[in-house]
Amino acid sequence: MAHRLDVSFTVRTGTLLVGSVRLSAIRIGDTKALLLGPLTVEPAFRERASARLDRARAEGAAAKGHKLVILVGDEPFYGKSGFKRVRRDAPSCPVRSTRRGF
């Protein structure tokens, strides 16, 4: 699954790349959505760059008309950005193991 360049962003300090966030187009049944990830930031820049990336992600997705962004991630971290845990009866992701005996 290729990420969408129009809603994926990087943060630089001078010429140093310190973080990036990618969003990929997906469908949940007939519903269009974006899947967030990966989001990565160099530890020394985590607080400031994470906020900038998340603001760019939210504004970029909204400007392109996207209404749903989902992720699999740390609820305390992403909860600060308005993400909420889905209900237990909400859509689930099928998992397939490549290991034998699993």
Protein backbone atom coordinates (compact mmCIF):
# COMPACT_ATOMS: atom_id res chain seq x y z
CA MET A 1 0.00 0.00 0.00
CA ALA A 2 1.59 3.25 -1.14
CA HIS A 3 1.27 6.32 1.02
CA ARG A 4 -0.46 9.46 -0.23
CA LEU A 5 2.12 12.15 -0.92
CA ASP A 6 -0.52 14.90 -0.76
CA VAL A 7 -1.27 14.17 2.93
CA SER A 8 2.15 12.91 4.08
CA PHE A 9 4.61 15.35 5.63
CA THR A 10 8.17 15.81 6.89
CA VAL A 11 9.74 18.18 9.41
CA ARG A 12 13.25 19.54 8.92
CA THR A 13 15.56 21.63 11.04
CA GLY A 14 17.79 23.25 8.46
CA THR A 15 18.86 20.39 6.23
CA LEU A 16 18.32 17.73 8.93
CA LEU A 17 15.22 15.55 8.50
CA VAL A 18 13.85 15.12 12.04
CA GLY A 19 10.44 13.54 11.46
CA SER A 20 7.82 12.29 9.06
CA VAL A 21 4.23 11.10 8.98
CA ARG A 22 2.62 9.06 6.24
CA LEU A 23 -1.03 8.50 5.43
CA SER A 24 -2.31 5.79 3.11
CA ALA A 25 -5.73 5.50 1.47
CA ILE A 26 -7.78 2.50 2.65
CA ARG A 27 -11.41 1.35 2.71
CA ILE A 28 -13.42 -0.10 5.55
CA GLY A 29 -16.23 -1.76 3.65
CA ASP A 30 -17.55 1.07 1.46
CA THR A 31 -16.10 3.81 3.68
CA LYS A 32 -13.00 5.64 2.50
CA ALA A 33 -10.41 6.37 5.19
CA LEU A 34 -6.76 7.16 5.71
CA LEU A 35 -4.42 4.91 7.70
CA LEU A 36 -1.88 6.86 9.73
CA GLY A 37 1.59 5.42 9.96
CA PRO A 38 4.34 5.39 10.31
CA LEU A 39 4.93 8.56 12.30
CA THR A 40 8.56 8.88 13.32
CA VAL A 41 10.49 11.68 14.99
CA GLU A 42 14.10 11.89 16.18
CA PRO A 43 14.04 11.74 20.00
CA ALA A 44 15.70 15.13 20.54
CA PHE A 45 12.92 16.81 18.51
CA ARG A 46 9.99 14.68 19.63
CA GLU A 47 7.89 17.24 21.51
CA ARG A 48 7.98 20.07 18.98
CA ALA A 49 8.17 18.07 15.75
CA SER A 50 5.41 15.62 16.75
CA ALA A 51 2.99 18.51 17.28
CA ARG A 52 3.93 20.08 13.93
CA LEU A 53 3.50 16.79 12.08
CA ASP A 54 0.17 16.08 13.69
CA ARG A 55 -1.14 19.57 12.88
CA ALA A 56 0.02 19.21 9.26
CA ARG A 57 -1.59 15.75 9.07
CA ALA A 58 -4.92 16.95 10.44
CA GLU A 59 -5.06 20.12 8.35
CA GLY A 60 -3.84 18.36 5.19
CA ALA A 61 -6.37 15.53 5.47
CA ALA A 62 -9.24 17.94 6.17
CA ALA A 63 -8.23 20.23 3.28
CA LYS A 64 -8.40 17.23 0.91
CA GLY A 65 -11.87 16.30 2.19
CA HIS A 66 -10.88 13.25 4.24
CA LYS A 67 -13.20 12.65 7.17
CA LEU A 68 -11.76 9.49 8.75
CA VAL A 69 -8.20 8.74 9.85
CA ILE A 70 -7.45 5.52 11.71
CA LEU A 71 -4.33 4.08 13.28
CA VAL A 72 -3.03 1.31 15.44
CA GLY A 73 -1.04 3.01 18.15
CA ASP A 74 -0.50 4.30 21.65
CA GLU A 75 -3.80 5.65 22.97
CA PRO A 76 -2.29 8.10 25.53
CA PHE A 77 -0.03 9.61 22.84
CA TYR A 78 -2.59 9.84 20.02
CA GLY A 79 -5.47 10.69 22.37
CA LYS A 80 -3.89 14.14 22.79
CA SER A 81 -4.61 14.69 19.09
CA GLY A 82 -8.27 13.75 19.36
CA PHE A 83 -8.04 10.08 18.41
CA LYS A 84 -10.42 7.82 20.31
CA ARG A 85 -10.46 4.08 20.90
CA VAL A 86 -13.00 2.31 18.70
CA ARG A 87 -15.81 0.27 20.22
CA ARG A 88 -15.21 -3.43 20.67
CA ASP A 89 -17.86 -4.18 18.01
CA ALA A 90 -16.24 -1.77 15.51
CA PRO A 91 -14.31 -2.91 12.44
CA SER A 92 -11.41 -5.23 13.09
CA CYS A 93 -8.31 -6.03 11.08
CA PRO A 94 -7.79 -9.59 9.93
CA VAL A 95 -4.41 -10.97 10.91
CA ARG A 96 -2.50 -13.69 9.13
CA SER A 97 0.62 -15.19 10.60
CA THR A 98 3.49 -16.31 8.43
CA ARG A 99 4.81 -18.54 11.21
CA ARG A 100 3.92 -22.21 11.26
CA GLY A 101 1.97 -23.48 14.21
CA PHE A 102 0.45 -20.14 15.02
